[in-house]
């Protein structure tokens, strides 16, 4: 409160007290000045205190944060197994300008014209010594490959289109055939539609030897 305000307040207080005392004297109430004075002082003190600082309102901060629902995990689909095509048990090599089947060591394989029944061999004894059977690999064979167990030596022999396969004991080099046309044997070659399988890079040249 400024200086002018203080003077105005003092003037009002004095004027009010004089008025109260006059009324009290007229009414014979001696204690009124004190009571009225106390009341006035209290009222003026309340007015003079109006310039104080107002209570700071309490601000409640609402963060607005709410739990975000976690989506349920999506089940990962189980991949469907893709069947792997069976491979040809024998590779091919170029022999005499055409593909021919070779064994795992690279030696040319043969079929025998005397084997007329499917998956059966008529080459036994001395014939078998000159024309060893090609052993079938482990596992399931794709068509037109098959196998059978020989009755003489229990070897599981590989066949192609029902024809038992052999190697020639006189072939001393991989890919070099010397038995084509010998004693009814001929080089084993793929059919018109060759079965799929690994093919070595390049080919082998033929080195004909005396029979």
N, C-alpha and C. Protein backbone atom coordinates (compact mmCIF):
# COMPACT_ATOMS: atom_id res chain seq x y z
N UNK A 1 0.86 -1.19 0.00
CA UNK A 1 0.00 0.00 0.00
C UNK A 1 0.89 1.22 0.00
N UNK A 2 0.57 2.29 -0.82
CA UNK A 2 1.39 3.50 -0.90
C UNK A 2 1.14 4.46 0.24
N UNK A 3 1.85 5.61 0.15
CA UNK A 3 1.74 6.63 1.20
C UNK A 3 0.33 7.22 1.22
N UNK A 4 -0.24 7.48 0.07
CA UNK A 4 -1.60 8.06 0.00
C UNK A 4 -2.60 7.11 0.60
N UNK A 5 -2.40 5.83 0.37
CA UNK A 5 -3.32 4.84 0.90
C UNK A 5 -3.25 4.78 2.41
N UNK A 6 -2.04 4.89 2.95
CA UNK A 6 -1.87 4.86 4.40
C UNK A 6 -2.59 6.06 5.06
N UNK A 7 -2.44 7.22 4.41
CA UNK A 7 -3.09 8.41 4.97
C UNK A 7 -4.61 8.26 4.93
N UNK A 8 -5.11 7.70 3.79
CA UNK A 8 -6.55 7.52 3.68
C UNK A 8 -7.07 6.54 4.71
N UNK A 9 -6.31 5.50 4.97
CA UNK A 9 -6.70 4.49 5.94
C UNK A 9 -6.71 5.07 7.35
N UNK A 10 -5.70 5.90 7.65
CA UNK A 10 -5.62 6.50 8.99
C UNK A 10 -6.78 7.47 9.23
N UNK A 11 -7.11 8.23 8.18
CA UNK A 11 -8.21 9.18 8.29
C UNK A 11 -9.54 8.47 8.49
N UNK A 12 -9.70 7.36 7.75
CA UNK A 12 -10.96 6.62 7.86
C UNK A 12 -11.09 5.99 9.24
N UNK A 13 -9.96 5.49 9.78
CA UNK A 13 -9.99 4.85 11.09
C UNK A 13 -10.38 5.87 12.18
N UNK A 14 -9.76 7.04 12.10
CA UNK A 14 -10.05 8.06 13.12
C UNK A 14 -11.50 8.51 13.05
N UNK A 15 -11.99 8.70 11.82
CA UNK A 15 -13.36 9.14 11.64
C UNK A 15 -14.33 8.09 12.16
N UNK A 16 -14.01 6.82 11.90
CA UNK A 16 -14.89 5.74 12.31
C UNK A 16 -14.91 5.63 13.84
N UNK A 17 -13.74 5.79 14.47
CA UNK A 17 -13.68 5.68 15.91
C UNK A 17 -14.45 6.83 16.61
N UNK A 18 -14.36 8.01 16.03
CA UNK A 18 -15.08 9.14 16.64
C UNK A 18 -16.58 8.91 16.57
N UNK A 19 -17.00 8.37 15.44
CA UNK A 19 -18.44 8.13 15.28
C UNK A 19 -18.93 7.07 16.25
N UNK A 20 -18.13 6.04 16.44
CA UNK A 20 -18.53 4.96 17.33
C UNK A 20 -18.58 5.46 18.77
N UNK A 21 -17.60 6.29 19.15
CA UNK A 21 -17.55 6.77 20.53
C UNK A 21 -18.73 7.69 20.83
N UNK A 22 -19.11 8.45 19.83
CA UNK A 22 -20.24 9.33 20.07
C UNK A 22 -21.50 8.50 20.28
N UNK A 23 -21.65 7.45 19.47
CA UNK A 23 -22.84 6.62 19.60
C UNK A 23 -22.83 5.87 20.93
N UNK A 24 -21.64 5.48 21.33
CA UNK A 24 -21.55 4.74 22.58
C UNK A 24 -21.86 5.63 23.77
N UNK A 25 -21.37 6.84 23.72
CA UNK A 25 -21.65 7.76 24.82
C UNK A 25 -23.15 8.05 24.90
N UNK A 26 -23.72 8.16 23.71
CA UNK A 26 -25.16 8.44 23.71
C UNK A 26 -25.92 7.25 24.28
N UNK A 27 -25.47 6.07 23.99
CA UNK A 27 -26.20 4.88 24.44
C UNK A 27 -25.72 4.37 25.77
N UNK A 28 -24.66 4.95 26.31
CA UNK A 28 -24.14 4.52 27.59
C UNK A 28 -23.36 3.23 27.51
N UNK A 29 -22.84 2.91 26.36
CA UNK A 29 -22.08 1.64 26.16
C UNK A 29 -20.61 1.99 26.16
N UNK A 30 -19.97 1.76 27.30
CA UNK A 30 -18.56 2.13 27.45
C UNK A 30 -17.62 1.19 26.73
N UNK A 31 -18.02 -0.05 26.63
CA UNK A 31 -17.10 -1.04 26.03
C UNK A 31 -17.16 -1.09 24.51
N UNK A 32 -18.12 -0.37 23.95
CA UNK A 32 -18.28 -0.44 22.49
C UNK A 32 -17.06 0.10 21.78
N UNK A 33 -16.44 1.23 22.27
CA UNK A 33 -15.26 1.73 21.52
C UNK A 33 -14.19 0.69 21.38
N UNK A 34 -13.99 -0.04 22.45
CA UNK A 34 -12.92 -1.05 22.35
C UNK A 34 -13.29 -2.17 21.39
N UNK A 35 -14.57 -2.60 21.49
CA UNK A 35 -14.99 -3.70 20.60
C UNK A 35 -15.03 -3.24 19.17
N UNK A 36 -15.55 -2.04 18.97
CA UNK A 36 -15.63 -1.54 17.60
C UNK A 36 -14.26 -1.29 17.05
N UNK A 37 -13.38 -0.74 17.93
CA UNK A 37 -12.00 -0.48 17.47
C UNK A 37 -11.32 -1.75 17.08
N UNK A 38 -11.54 -2.79 17.87
CA UNK A 38 -10.91 -4.07 17.55
C UNK A 38 -11.44 -4.62 16.26
N UNK A 39 -12.78 -4.45 16.08
CA UNK A 39 -13.39 -4.94 14.84
C UNK A 39 -12.86 -4.18 13.65
N UNK A 40 -12.72 -2.85 13.79
CA UNK A 40 -12.22 -2.04 12.69
C UNK A 40 -10.80 -2.41 12.34
N UNK A 41 -10.00 -2.57 13.38
CA UNK A 41 -8.59 -2.93 13.13
C UNK A 41 -8.50 -4.24 12.38
N UNK A 42 -9.35 -5.21 12.78
CA UNK A 42 -9.33 -6.52 12.11
C UNK A 42 -9.74 -6.39 10.67
N UNK A 43 -10.83 -5.56 10.43
CA UNK A 43 -11.30 -5.40 9.06
C UNK A 43 -10.26 -4.71 8.20
N UNK A 44 -9.69 -3.65 8.72
CA UNK A 44 -8.68 -2.91 7.96
C UNK A 44 -7.44 -3.74 7.73
N UNK A 45 -7.08 -4.56 8.73
CA UNK A 45 -5.90 -5.42 8.55
C UNK A 45 -6.15 -6.42 7.43
N UNK A 46 -7.43 -6.94 7.38
CA UNK A 46 -7.76 -7.87 6.30
C UNK A 46 -7.70 -7.19 4.95
N UNK A 47 -8.16 -5.93 4.89
CA UNK A 47 -8.12 -5.21 3.62
C UNK A 47 -6.71 -4.90 3.21
N UNK A 48 -5.91 -4.43 4.24
CA UNK A 48 -4.52 -4.09 3.90
C UNK A 48 -3.73 -5.30 3.48
N UNK A 49 -4.14 -6.50 3.92
CA UNK A 49 -3.41 -7.72 3.53
C UNK A 49 -3.80 -8.24 2.17
N UNK A 50 -4.75 -7.56 1.50
CA UNK A 50 -5.19 -8.05 0.19
C UNK A 50 -4.13 -7.96 -0.85
N UNK A 51 -3.07 -7.12 -0.57
CA UNK A 51 -2.01 -6.98 -1.56
C UNK A 51 -1.01 -8.09 -1.52
N UNK A 52 -1.22 -9.04 -0.59
CA UNK A 52 -0.25 -10.15 -0.49
C UNK A 52 -0.35 -11.08 -1.69
N UNK A 53 0.57 -11.98 -1.72
CA UNK A 53 0.61 -12.92 -2.85
C UNK A 53 -0.52 -13.91 -2.74
N UNK A 54 -1.13 -14.18 -3.84
CA UNK A 54 -2.21 -15.16 -3.87
C UNK A 54 -1.63 -16.55 -3.82
N UNK A 55 -2.36 -17.46 -3.20
CA UNK A 55 -1.84 -18.84 -3.15
C UNK A 55 -1.71 -19.42 -4.56
N UNK A 56 -0.62 -20.03 -4.77
CA UNK A 56 -0.36 -20.62 -6.09
C UNK A 56 -1.18 -21.88 -6.25
N UNK A 57 -2.00 -21.91 -7.28
CA UNK A 57 -2.82 -23.12 -7.45
C UNK A 57 -1.94 -24.32 -7.75
N UNK A 58 -2.37 -25.38 -7.16
CA UNK A 58 -1.61 -26.62 -7.38
C UNK A 58 -1.99 -27.21 -8.74
N UNK A 59 -0.97 -27.41 -9.51
CA UNK A 59 -1.21 -27.94 -10.85
C UNK A 59 -0.92 -29.43 -10.85
N UNK A 60 -1.92 -30.15 -11.24
CA UNK A 60 -1.75 -31.60 -11.34
C UNK A 60 -1.45 -31.95 -12.78
N UNK A 61 -0.30 -32.52 -12.98
CA UNK A 61 0.12 -32.87 -14.34
C UNK A 61 -0.36 -34.27 -14.67
N UNK A 62 -1.13 -34.32 -15.71
CA UNK A 62 -1.62 -35.62 -16.18
C UNK A 62 -0.73 -36.06 -17.33
N UNK A 63 0.04 -37.03 -17.07
CA UNK A 63 0.99 -37.48 -18.10
C UNK A 63 0.28 -38.06 -19.30
N UNK A 64 -0.92 -38.53 -19.10
CA UNK A 64 -1.66 -39.10 -20.22
C UNK A 64 -1.09 -40.42 -20.72
N UNK A 65 -0.15 -40.96 -19.96
CA UNK A 65 0.48 -42.20 -20.41
C UNK A 65 -0.38 -43.39 -20.04
N UNK A 66 -0.68 -44.19 -21.01
CA UNK A 66 -1.45 -45.40 -20.75
C UNK A 66 -0.73 -46.58 -21.37
N UNK A 67 -0.90 -47.70 -20.79
CA UNK A 67 -0.21 -48.89 -21.27
C UNK A 67 -0.71 -49.26 -22.67
N UNK A 68 0.22 -49.37 -23.59
CA UNK A 68 -0.14 -49.78 -24.95
C UNK A 68 -0.27 -51.29 -24.99
N UNK A 69 -1.41 -51.80 -25.44
CA UNK A 69 -1.58 -53.27 -25.45
C UNK A 69 -0.58 -53.92 -26.40
N UNK A 70 0.06 -54.95 -25.93
CA UNK A 70 1.02 -55.68 -26.76
C UNK A 70 0.29 -56.68 -27.64
N UNK A 71 0.49 -56.57 -28.97
CA UNK A 71 -0.23 -57.51 -29.84
C UNK A 71 0.23 -58.93 -29.61
N UNK A 72 -0.69 -59.85 -29.77
CA UNK A 72 -0.36 -61.27 -29.60
C UNK A 72 0.61 -61.70 -30.69
N UNK A 73 1.62 -62.47 -30.33
CA UNK A 73 2.59 -62.90 -31.35
C UNK A 73 1.92 -63.74 -32.43
N UNK A 74 2.34 -63.46 -33.65
CA UNK A 74 1.80 -64.21 -34.79
C UNK A 74 2.62 -65.46 -35.00
N UNK A 75 1.94 -66.56 -35.10
CA UNK A 75 2.63 -67.83 -35.29
C UNK A 75 3.32 -67.86 -36.65
N UNK A 76 4.60 -68.23 -36.64
CA UNK A 76 5.36 -68.32 -37.88
C UNK A 76 4.98 -69.59 -38.61
N UNK A 77 4.55 -69.45 -39.87
CA UNK A 77 4.15 -70.66 -40.60
C UNK A 77 5.33 -71.59 -40.81
N UNK A 78 5.07 -72.86 -40.64
CA UNK A 78 6.13 -73.85 -40.83
C UNK A 78 6.33 -74.06 -42.33
N UNK A 79 7.55 -73.83 -42.82
CA UNK A 79 7.77 -73.99 -44.25
C UNK A 79 7.54 -75.42 -44.70
N UNK A 80 6.93 -75.54 -45.85
CA UNK A 80 6.70 -76.86 -46.42
C UNK A 80 7.96 -77.35 -47.11
N UNK A 81 8.35 -78.55 -46.76
CA UNK A 81 9.57 -79.10 -47.34
C UNK A 81 9.37 -79.35 -48.83
N UNK A 82 10.33 -78.90 -49.61
CA UNK A 82 10.29 -79.12 -51.04
C UNK A 82 11.03 -80.41 -51.35
N UNK A 83 10.36 -81.35 -51.99
CA UNK A 83 11.04 -82.61 -52.29
C UNK A 83 12.27 -82.38 -53.16
N UNK A 84 13.35 -82.99 -52.75
CA UNK A 84 14.60 -82.88 -53.52
C UNK A 84 14.62 -84.00 -54.55
N UNK A 85 14.74 -83.65 -55.84
CA UNK A 85 14.74 -84.72 -56.84
C UNK A 85 15.95 -85.62 -56.68
N UNK A 86 15.71 -86.90 -56.83
CA UNK A 86 16.82 -87.85 -56.71
C UNK A 86 17.76 -87.68 -57.89
N UNK A 87 19.04 -87.76 -57.61
CA UNK A 87 20.02 -87.59 -58.67
C UNK A 87 20.38 -88.96 -59.26
N UNK A 88 20.96 -88.90 -60.43
CA UNK A 88 21.38 -90.13 -61.09
C UNK A 88 22.57 -90.72 -60.35
N UNK A 89 22.59 -92.01 -60.11
CA UNK A 89 23.70 -92.60 -59.35
C UNK A 89 25.02 -92.60 -60.10
N UNK A 90 24.99 -92.47 -61.43
CA UNK A 90 26.23 -92.43 -62.22
C UNK A 90 26.31 -91.13 -63.01
N UNK A 91 27.52 -90.64 -63.13
CA UNK A 91 27.76 -89.47 -63.97
C UNK A 91 27.92 -89.93 -65.42
N UNK A 92 27.93 -88.96 -66.32
CA UNK A 92 28.17 -89.28 -67.72
C UNK A 92 29.43 -88.59 -68.19
N UNK A 93 30.03 -89.17 -69.21
CA UNK A 93 31.21 -88.59 -69.85
C UNK A 93 31.08 -88.82 -71.35
N UNK A 94 31.73 -87.99 -72.12
CA UNK A 94 31.68 -88.15 -73.57
C UNK A 94 32.66 -89.23 -74.00
N UNK A 95 32.10 -90.30 -74.56
CA UNK A 95 32.92 -91.41 -75.05
C UNK A 95 32.51 -91.68 -76.50
N UNK A 96 33.48 -91.60 -77.41
CA UNK A 96 33.19 -91.77 -78.84
C UNK A 96 32.16 -90.76 -79.33
N UNK A 97 32.24 -89.54 -78.79
CA UNK A 97 31.37 -88.46 -79.23
C UNK A 97 29.98 -88.47 -78.63
N UNK A 98 29.65 -89.41 -77.77
CA UNK A 98 28.31 -89.49 -77.18
C UNK A 98 28.42 -89.70 -75.68
N UNK A 99 27.40 -89.27 -74.91
CA UNK A 99 27.44 -89.48 -73.47
C UNK A 99 27.40 -90.96 -73.13
N UNK A 100 28.17 -91.32 -72.13
CA UNK A 100 28.19 -92.71 -71.64
C UNK A 100 28.27 -92.65 -70.12
N UNK A 101 27.69 -93.65 -69.48
CA UNK A 101 27.74 -93.71 -68.03
C UNK A 101 29.09 -94.23 -67.57
N UNK A 102 29.63 -93.58 -66.53
CA UNK A 102 30.90 -94.01 -65.94
C UNK A 102 30.68 -94.22 -64.45
N UNK A 103 31.48 -95.11 -63.85
CA UNK A 103 31.33 -95.36 -62.42
C UNK A 103 32.00 -94.25 -61.61
N UNK A 104 32.02 -94.41 -60.30
CA UNK A 104 32.54 -93.34 -59.44
C UNK A 104 34.03 -93.09 -59.66
N UNK A 105 34.73 -94.08 -60.23
CA UNK A 105 36.15 -93.90 -60.52
C UNK A 105 36.37 -93.36 -61.93
N UNK A 106 35.29 -93.18 -62.67
CA UNK A 106 35.42 -92.64 -64.02
C UNK A 106 35.54 -93.68 -65.11
N UNK A 107 35.46 -94.98 -64.76
CA UNK A 107 35.59 -96.02 -65.77
C UNK A 107 34.24 -96.23 -66.48
N UNK A 108 34.33 -96.53 -67.77
CA UNK A 108 33.14 -96.72 -68.59
C UNK A 108 32.38 -97.96 -68.13
N UNK A 109 31.05 -97.88 -68.16
CA UNK A 109 30.21 -99.02 -67.78
C UNK A 109 29.59 -99.63 -69.04
N UNK A 110 29.17 -100.90 -68.91
CA UNK A 110 28.66 -101.66 -70.06
C UNK A 110 27.38 -102.39 -69.68
N UNK A 111 26.63 -102.77 -70.72
CA UNK A 111 25.48 -103.66 -70.56
C UNK A 111 25.73 -104.90 -71.43
N UNK A 112 25.07 -105.99 -71.06
CA UNK A 112 25.30 -107.28 -71.72
C UNK A 112 24.03 -107.72 -72.44
N UNK A 113 24.20 -108.07 -73.71
CA UNK A 113 23.04 -108.48 -74.52
C UNK A 113 22.44 -109.79 -74.04
N UNK A 114 23.20 -110.58 -73.29
CA UNK A 114 22.68 -111.85 -72.78
C UNK A 114 21.74 -111.68 -71.60
N UNK A 115 21.72 -110.48 -71.00
CA UNK A 115 20.80 -110.22 -69.88
C UNK A 115 19.46 -109.78 -70.47
N UNK A 116 18.56 -110.72 -70.66
CA UNK A 116 17.27 -110.41 -71.28
C UNK A 116 16.15 -110.19 -70.27
N UNK A 117 16.30 -110.74 -69.08
CA UNK A 117 15.30 -110.53 -68.03
C UNK A 117 15.70 -109.32 -67.19
N UNK A 118 14.72 -108.50 -66.85
CA UNK A 118 15.00 -107.29 -66.08
C UNK A 118 15.56 -107.63 -64.71
N UNK A 119 16.60 -106.87 -64.34
CA UNK A 119 17.22 -106.98 -63.01
C UNK A 119 17.71 -108.40 -62.74
N UNK A 120 18.25 -109.05 -63.75
CA UNK A 120 18.86 -110.36 -63.58
C UNK A 120 20.11 -110.44 -64.46
N UNK A 121 21.14 -111.10 -63.93
CA UNK A 121 22.40 -111.22 -64.67
C UNK A 121 22.66 -112.68 -65.06
N UNK A 122 23.11 -112.84 -66.30
CA UNK A 122 23.50 -114.17 -66.77
C UNK A 122 25.02 -114.28 -66.91
N UNK A 123 25.71 -113.21 -66.51
CA UNK A 123 27.17 -113.21 -66.57
C UNK A 123 27.69 -113.75 -65.24
N UNK A 124 28.23 -114.95 -65.25
CA UNK A 124 28.73 -115.57 -64.03
C UNK A 124 30.08 -116.21 -64.32
N UNK A 125 30.72 -116.69 -63.26
CA UNK A 125 31.98 -117.41 -63.42
C UNK A 125 33.05 -116.57 -64.08
N UNK A 126 33.63 -117.13 -65.18
CA UNK A 126 34.70 -116.44 -65.89
C UNK A 126 34.23 -115.15 -66.51
N UNK A 127 32.96 -115.12 -66.93
CA UNK A 127 32.39 -113.87 -67.47
C UNK A 127 32.46 -112.75 -66.43
N UNK A 128 32.10 -113.10 -65.21
CA UNK A 128 32.07 -112.09 -64.15
C UNK A 128 33.47 -111.61 -63.79
N UNK A 129 34.46 -112.47 -63.96
CA UNK A 129 35.83 -112.06 -63.68
C UNK A 129 36.30 -111.01 -64.67
N UNK A 130 35.86 -111.14 -65.94
CA UNK A 130 36.26 -110.17 -66.96
C UNK A 130 35.38 -108.92 -66.94
N UNK A 131 34.16 -109.08 -66.46
CA UNK A 131 33.19 -107.98 -66.44
C UNK A 131 32.62 -107.81 -65.02
N UNK A 132 33.37 -107.16 -64.15
CA UNK A 132 32.90 -106.98 -62.75
C UNK A 132 31.60 -106.18 -62.70
N UNK A 133 30.70 -106.53 -61.82
CA UNK A 133 29.43 -105.79 -61.69
C UNK A 133 29.65 -104.40 -61.07
N UNK A 134 28.82 -103.47 -61.46
CA UNK A 134 28.83 -102.12 -60.86
C UNK A 134 27.94 -102.18 -59.62
N UNK A 135 28.52 -101.89 -58.47
CA UNK A 135 27.76 -101.93 -57.21
C UNK A 135 26.81 -100.74 -57.12
N UNK A 136 25.60 -101.01 -56.64
CA UNK A 136 24.60 -99.94 -56.48
C UNK A 136 24.93 -99.09 -55.25
N UNK A 137 24.72 -97.77 -55.33
CA UNK A 137 24.95 -96.91 -54.16
C UNK A 137 23.85 -97.11 -53.12
N UNK A 138 24.11 -96.69 -51.91
CA UNK A 138 23.10 -96.78 -50.85
C UNK A 138 22.00 -95.77 -51.11
N UNK A 139 20.81 -96.07 -50.63
CA UNK A 139 19.69 -95.15 -50.77
C UNK A 139 18.72 -95.57 -51.86
N UNK A 140 17.67 -94.76 -51.97
CA UNK A 140 16.62 -95.03 -52.95
C UNK A 140 17.06 -94.56 -54.32
N UNK A 141 16.83 -95.37 -55.31
CA UNK A 141 17.23 -95.05 -56.68
C UNK A 141 16.05 -94.50 -57.46
N UNK A 142 16.27 -93.48 -58.28
CA UNK A 142 15.18 -92.95 -59.10
C UNK A 142 14.98 -93.79 -60.36
N UNK A 143 13.77 -93.80 -60.86
CA UNK A 143 13.48 -94.48 -62.12
C UNK A 143 14.26 -93.76 -63.24
N UNK A 144 14.90 -94.47 -64.17
CA UNK A 144 14.81 -95.91 -64.47
C UNK A 144 15.92 -96.75 -63.85
N UNK A 145 16.49 -96.27 -62.73
CA UNK A 145 17.55 -97.01 -62.07
C UNK A 145 16.95 -97.98 -61.07
N UNK A 146 17.63 -99.11 -60.89
CA UNK A 146 17.21 -100.08 -59.88
C UNK A 146 18.41 -100.92 -59.46
N UNK A 147 18.17 -101.95 -58.68
CA UNK A 147 19.26 -102.79 -58.19
C UNK A 147 18.71 -104.18 -57.89
N UNK A 148 19.60 -105.12 -57.76
CA UNK A 148 19.23 -106.47 -57.34
C UNK A 148 20.45 -107.11 -56.70
N UNK A 149 20.22 -108.11 -55.89
CA UNK A 149 21.31 -108.81 -55.21
C UNK A 149 21.65 -110.08 -56.00
N UNK A 150 22.89 -110.19 -56.38
CA UNK A 150 23.34 -111.35 -57.14
C UNK A 150 23.32 -112.59 -56.24
N UNK A 151 23.00 -113.72 -56.82
CA UNK A 151 22.93 -114.97 -56.04
C UNK A 151 24.29 -115.64 -55.89
N UNK A 152 25.26 -115.30 -56.77
CA UNK A 152 26.56 -115.98 -56.70
C UNK A 152 27.53 -115.33 -55.73
N UNK A 153 27.57 -113.99 -55.69
CA UNK A 153 28.54 -113.33 -54.80
C UNK A 153 27.88 -112.31 -53.86
N UNK A 154 26.55 -112.24 -53.87
CA UNK A 154 25.77 -111.36 -52.98
C UNK A 154 26.04 -109.87 -53.20
N UNK A 155 26.64 -109.52 -54.34
CA UNK A 155 26.84 -108.11 -54.65
C UNK A 155 25.51 -107.49 -55.06
N UNK A 156 25.23 -106.30 -54.55
CA UNK A 156 24.03 -105.57 -54.96
C UNK A 156 24.40 -104.81 -56.22
N UNK A 157 23.91 -105.28 -57.36
CA UNK A 157 24.32 -104.74 -58.65
C UNK A 157 23.35 -103.67 -59.14
N UNK A 158 23.90 -102.61 -59.73
CA UNK A 158 23.12 -101.50 -60.26
C UNK A 158 22.62 -101.84 -61.65
N UNK A 159 21.38 -101.45 -61.93
CA UNK A 159 20.83 -101.65 -63.27
C UNK A 159 20.27 -100.34 -63.80
N UNK A 160 20.25 -100.23 -65.14
CA UNK A 160 19.68 -99.06 -65.81
C UNK A 160 18.67 -99.56 -66.83
N UNK A 161 17.42 -99.14 -66.70
CA UNK A 161 16.34 -99.67 -67.54
C UNK A 161 16.27 -101.20 -67.46
N UNK A 162 16.55 -101.74 -66.28
CA UNK A 162 16.48 -103.18 -66.07
C UNK A 162 17.72 -103.93 -66.49
N UNK A 163 18.69 -103.23 -67.12
CA UNK A 163 19.91 -103.88 -67.59
C UNK A 163 21.01 -103.79 -66.54
N UNK A 164 21.58 -104.94 -66.11
CA UNK A 164 22.70 -104.88 -65.16
C UNK A 164 23.90 -104.18 -65.79
N UNK A 165 24.64 -103.43 -64.96
CA UNK A 165 25.79 -102.67 -65.44
C UNK A 165 27.09 -103.34 -64.99
N UNK A 166 28.10 -103.26 -65.88
CA UNK A 166 29.40 -103.88 -65.62
C UNK A 166 30.50 -102.91 -66.01
N UNK A 167 31.67 -103.17 -65.52
CA UNK A 167 32.88 -102.54 -66.04
C UNK A 167 33.69 -103.61 -66.76
N UNK A 168 34.75 -103.21 -67.46
CA UNK A 168 35.58 -104.16 -68.19
C UNK A 168 36.96 -104.19 -67.55
N UNK A 169 37.40 -105.39 -67.18
CA UNK A 169 38.68 -105.52 -66.49
C UNK A 169 39.85 -105.03 -67.33
N UNK A 170 39.70 -105.04 -68.65
CA UNK A 170 40.79 -104.60 -69.54
C UNK A 170 40.87 -103.09 -69.68
N UNK A 171 39.87 -102.36 -69.20
CA UNK A 171 39.94 -100.89 -69.21
C UNK A 171 40.85 -100.43 -68.09
N UNK A 172 41.99 -99.86 -68.46
CA UNK A 172 42.98 -99.46 -67.45
C UNK A 172 42.99 -97.96 -67.18
N UNK A 173 42.25 -97.20 -67.96
CA UNK A 173 42.23 -95.75 -67.78
C UNK A 173 40.78 -95.28 -67.68
N UNK A 174 40.51 -94.33 -66.79
CA UNK A 174 39.15 -93.79 -66.70
C UNK A 174 38.73 -93.17 -68.03
N UNK A 175 37.54 -93.49 -68.45
CA UNK A 175 36.99 -92.89 -69.66
C UNK A 175 37.49 -93.51 -70.95
N UNK A 176 38.33 -94.49 -70.87
CA UNK A 176 38.85 -95.15 -72.08
C UNK A 176 38.19 -96.51 -72.18
N UNK A 177 37.33 -96.70 -73.18
CA UNK A 177 36.62 -97.96 -73.33
C UNK A 177 37.32 -98.85 -74.36
N UNK A 178 37.48 -100.10 -73.98
CA UNK A 178 38.06 -101.10 -74.90
C UNK A 178 37.17 -102.32 -75.04
N UNK A 179 35.96 -102.25 -74.44
CA UNK A 179 35.11 -103.44 -74.46
C UNK A 179 33.85 -103.29 -75.27
N UNK A 180 33.67 -102.16 -75.95
CA UNK A 180 32.45 -101.97 -76.73
C UNK A 180 32.41 -102.97 -77.89
N UNK A 181 31.39 -103.81 -77.93
CA UNK A 181 31.25 -104.80 -78.99
C UNK A 181 31.95 -106.11 -78.70
N UNK A 182 32.55 -106.26 -77.52
CA UNK A 182 33.27 -107.48 -77.17
C UNK A 182 32.31 -108.44 -76.47
N UNK A 183 32.18 -109.64 -76.99
CA UNK A 183 31.42 -110.73 -76.36
C UNK A 183 30.01 -110.34 -75.97
N UNK A 184 29.40 -109.52 -76.78
CA UNK A 184 28.02 -109.13 -76.53
C UNK A 184 27.87 -107.95 -75.57
N UNK A 185 28.95 -107.33 -75.18
CA UNK A 185 28.88 -106.16 -74.28
C UNK A 185 28.96 -104.88 -75.10
N UNK A 186 28.28 -103.85 -74.63
CA UNK A 186 28.31 -102.54 -75.28
C UNK A 186 28.30 -101.45 -74.22
N UNK A 187 28.78 -100.28 -74.62
CA UNK A 187 28.86 -99.15 -73.68
C UNK A 187 27.44 -98.76 -73.24
N UNK A 188 27.29 -98.55 -71.95
CA UNK A 188 26.00 -98.11 -71.39
C UNK A 188 25.84 -96.61 -71.59
N UNK A 189 24.80 -96.26 -72.33
CA UNK A 189 24.56 -94.85 -72.64
C UNK A 189 23.16 -94.45 -72.19
N UNK A 190 22.94 -93.15 -71.94
CA UNK A 190 21.60 -92.70 -71.56
C UNK A 190 20.59 -92.98 -72.66
N UNK A 191 19.33 -93.05 -72.25
CA UNK A 191 18.25 -93.25 -73.21
C UNK A 191 18.05 -91.98 -74.02
N UNK A 192 17.03 -92.00 -74.89
CA UNK A 192 16.74 -90.81 -75.69
C UNK A 192 16.52 -89.60 -74.80
N UNK A 193 15.85 -89.81 -73.65
CA UNK A 193 15.70 -88.76 -72.64
C UNK A 193 16.61 -89.13 -71.48
N UNK A 194 17.81 -88.55 -71.43
CA UNK A 194 18.77 -88.94 -70.39
C UNK A 194 18.26 -88.62 -69.00
N UNK A 195 18.55 -89.50 -68.07
CA UNK A 195 18.23 -89.22 -66.67
C UNK A 195 19.13 -88.10 -66.17
N UNK A 196 18.62 -87.20 -65.30
CA UNK A 196 19.45 -86.09 -64.81
C UNK A 196 20.57 -86.60 -63.94
N UNK A 197 21.68 -85.90 -63.97
CA UNK A 197 22.80 -86.30 -63.13
C UNK A 197 24.02 -85.49 -63.44
N UNK A 198 25.05 -85.55 -62.59
CA UNK A 198 26.27 -84.77 -62.81
C UNK A 198 27.01 -85.27 -64.04
N UNK A 199 27.55 -84.34 -64.77
CA UNK A 199 28.35 -84.66 -65.96
C UNK A 199 29.71 -84.01 -65.81
N UNK A 200 30.79 -84.77 -65.85
CA UNK A 200 32.12 -84.18 -65.72
C UNK A 200 32.38 -83.18 -66.83
N UNK A 201 33.18 -82.16 -66.54
CA UNK A 201 33.56 -81.17 -67.55
C UNK A 201 34.47 -81.84 -68.58
N UNK A 202 34.18 -81.59 -69.85
CA UNK A 202 35.00 -82.21 -70.90
C UNK A 202 34.56 -83.63 -71.15
N UNK A 203 35.41 -84.43 -71.76
CA UNK A 203 35.06 -85.81 -72.07
C UNK A 203 36.33 -86.65 -72.15
N UNK A 204 36.14 -87.87 -72.52
CA UNK A 204 37.26 -88.76 -72.62
C UNK A 204 37.39 -89.22 -74.08
N UNK A 205 38.61 -89.34 -74.54
CA UNK A 205 38.87 -89.84 -75.89
C UNK A 205 39.00 -91.36 -75.82
N UNK A 206 38.65 -92.00 -76.89
CA UNK A 206 38.72 -93.44 -76.92
C UNK A 206 40.09 -93.89 -77.37
N UNK A 207 40.62 -94.87 -76.67
CA UNK A 207 41.90 -95.48 -77.07
C UNK A 207 41.65 -96.95 -77.28
N UNK A 208 41.41 -97.30 -78.52
CA UNK A 208 41.07 -98.68 -78.84
C UNK A 208 42.30 -99.58 -78.70
N UNK A 209 42.12 -100.69 -78.02
CA UNK A 209 43.20 -101.64 -77.84
C UNK A 209 42.79 -102.97 -78.47
N UNK A 210 43.75 -103.79 -78.81
CA UNK A 210 43.39 -105.10 -79.39
C UNK A 210 42.60 -105.92 -78.40
N UNK A 211 41.59 -106.66 -78.85
CA UNK A 211 40.77 -107.49 -77.98
C UNK A 211 41.38 -108.87 -77.87
